[in-house]
C-alpha atoms as a PDB file:
ATOM      1  CA  MET A   1     -27.083  11.322 -10.969  1.00  0.00           C
ATOM      2  CA  VAL A   2     -25.375  11.281  -7.622  1.00  0.00           C
ATOM      3  CA  THR A   3     -26.287  14.027  -5.186  1.00  0.00           C
ATOM      4  CA  GLY A   4     -23.946  15.380  -2.571  1.00  0.00           C
ATOM      5  CA  GLY A   5     -20.928  14.161  -4.504  1.00  0.00           C
ATOM      6  CA  MET A   6     -17.458  15.533  -4.245  1.00  0.00           C
ATOM      7  CA  ARG A   7     -15.840  17.251  -7.269  1.00  0.00           C
ATOM      8  CA  THR A   8     -12.204  16.487  -7.912  1.00  0.00           C
ATOM      9  CA  ASN A   9      -9.666  16.579 -10.729  1.00  0.00           C
ATOM     10  CA  ILE A  10      -7.810  13.349 -11.433  1.00  0.00           C
ATOM     11  CA  VAL A  11      -5.428  12.557 -14.309  1.00  0.00           C
ATOM     12  CA  PHE A  12      -6.372   9.131 -15.762  1.00  0.00           C
ATOM     13  CA  ASP A  13      -4.795   6.955 -18.467  1.00  0.00           C
ATOM     14  CA  ASP A  14      -6.918   7.851 -21.502  1.00  0.00           C
ATOM     15  CA  ALA A  15      -6.591   4.402 -23.060  1.00  0.00           C
ATOM     16  CA  LEU A  16      -7.680   2.685 -19.824  1.00  0.00           C
ATOM     17  CA  ILE A  17     -10.715   5.012 -19.450  1.00  0.00           C
ATOM     18  CA  ASP A  18     -11.647   4.389 -23.154  1.00  0.00           C
ATOM     19  CA  GLU A  19     -11.372   0.607 -22.678  1.00  0.00           C
ATOM     20  CA  ALA A  20     -13.404   0.698 -19.474  1.00  0.00           C
ATOM     21  CA  MET A  21     -16.080   2.781 -21.169  1.00  0.00           C
ATOM     22  CA  ALA A  22     -16.207   0.336 -24.078  1.00  0.00           C
ATOM     23  CA  LEU A  23     -16.444  -2.697 -21.782  1.00  0.00           C
ATOM     24  CA  THR A  24     -19.130  -1.205 -19.490  1.00  0.00           C
ATOM     25  CA  GLY A  25     -21.144   0.868 -21.896  1.00  0.00           C
ATOM     26  CA  ALA A  26     -20.607   3.904 -19.707  1.00  0.00           C
ATOM     27  CA  ARG A  27     -21.437   7.150 -21.512  1.00  0.00           C
ATOM     28  CA  SER A  28     -19.093   9.439 -19.528  1.00  0.00           C
ATOM     29  CA  ARG A  29     -15.839   9.352 -17.618  1.00  0.00           C
ATOM     30  CA  SER A  30     -17.745  10.155 -14.407  1.00  0.00           C
ATOM     31  CA  GLU A  31     -19.997   7.178 -14.971  1.00  0.00           C
ATOM     32  CA  VAL A  32     -17.131   4.763 -15.617  1.00  0.00           C
ATOM     33  CA  VAL A  33     -15.275   5.980 -12.503  1.00  0.00           C
ATOM     34  CA  ARG A  34     -18.407   5.571 -10.404  1.00  0.00           C
ATOM     35  CA  LEU A  35     -18.904   2.033 -11.785  1.00  0.00           C
ATOM     36  CA  ALA A  36     -15.277   1.187 -11.037  1.00  0.00           C
ATOM     37  CA  LEU A  37     -15.562   2.404  -7.473  1.00  0.00           C
ATOM     38  CA  GLN A  38     -18.750   0.406  -6.978  1.00  0.00           C
ATOM     39  CA  GLU A  39     -17.079  -2.735  -8.327  1.00  0.00           C
ATOM     40  CA  LEU A  40     -14.053  -2.209  -6.054  1.00  0.00           C
ATOM     41  CA  VAL A  41     -16.218  -1.843  -2.963  1.00  0.00           C
ATOM     42  CA  LYS A  42     -18.338  -4.880  -3.917  1.00  0.00           C
ATOM     43  CA  SER A  43     -15.217  -6.933  -4.514  1.00  0.00           C
ATOM     44  CA  ARG A  44     -13.562  -6.035  -1.245  1.00  0.00           C
ATOM     45  CA  ARG A  45     -16.779  -6.712   0.713  1.00  0.00           C
ATOM     46  CA  LYS A  46     -16.935 -10.209  -0.812  1.00  0.00           C
ATOM     47  CA  ARG A  47     -13.309 -10.857   0.085  1.00  0.00           C
ATOM     48  CA  LYS A  48     -13.952  -9.662   3.672  1.00  0.00           C
ATOM     49  CA  ASN A  49     -17.032 -11.842   3.942  1.00  0.00           C
ATOM     50  CA  LEU A  50     -15.094 -14.895   2.737  1.00  0.00           C
ATOM     51  CA  ALA A  51     -12.303 -14.155   5.275  1.00  0.00           C
ATOM     52  CA  ASP A  52     -14.970 -14.039   8.044  1.00  0.00           C
ATOM     53  CA  LEU A  53     -15.755 -17.674   7.205  1.00  0.00           C
ATOM     54  CA  ALA A  54     -12.264 -18.853   7.865  1.00  0.00           C
ATOM     55  CA  GLY A  55     -12.255 -21.658  10.394  1.00  0.00           C
ATOM     56  CA  ARG A  56     -16.106 -21.924  10.363  1.00  0.00           C
ATOM     57  CA  ILE A  57     -16.499 -24.428   7.575  1.00  0.00           C
ATOM     58  CA  ARG A  58     -16.166 -28.056   8.562  1.00  0.00           C
ATOM     59  CA  PHE A  59     -15.366 -30.511   5.801  1.00  0.00           C
ATOM     60  CA  ARG A  60     -16.270 -34.181   5.857  1.00  0.00           C
ATOM     61  CA  PRO A  61     -13.532 -36.406   7.223  1.00  0.00           C
ATOM     62  CA  GLY A  62     -11.071 -37.434   4.478  1.00  0.00           C
ATOM     63  CA  PHE A  63     -12.018 -34.582   2.181  1.00  0.00           C
ATOM     64  CA  ASP A  64      -9.076 -33.753  -0.102  1.00  0.00           C
ATOM     65  CA  HIS A  65      -9.275 -30.098  -1.045  1.00  0.00           C
ATOM     66  CA  LYS A  66      -6.306 -30.350  -3.316  1.00  0.00           C
ATOM     67  CA  ALA A  67      -7.910 -33.064  -5.392  1.00  0.00           C
ATOM     68  CA  ALA A  68     -11.069 -30.990  -5.615  1.00  0.00           C
ATOM     69  CA  ARG A  69      -9.097 -28.065  -6.997  1.00  0.00           C
ATOM     70  CA  LYS A  70      -7.793 -30.312  -9.807  1.00  0.00           C
ATOM     71  CA  LEU A  71     -11.347 -31.106 -10.803  1.00  0.00           C
ATOM     72  CA  ARG A  72     -12.058 -27.406 -11.392  1.00  0.00           C
ATOM     73  CA  GLY A  73      -9.183 -27.167 -13.866  1.00  0.00           C
END
């Protein structure tokens, strides 16, 4: 249970909430919304951290990043 939380009323797409609950195993709408917000924050933090690395990674001379992408499929 979250303490000090804010109560609000939001209109959600029922089918989307039901699918999210089925995929996550969440037992309530509040739980699935909380999980979704946690995932969003985690995802954005990762993206920011990757952006912070821009220009800091040095590749070996002659490294072909486009050829490496093809190997991943």
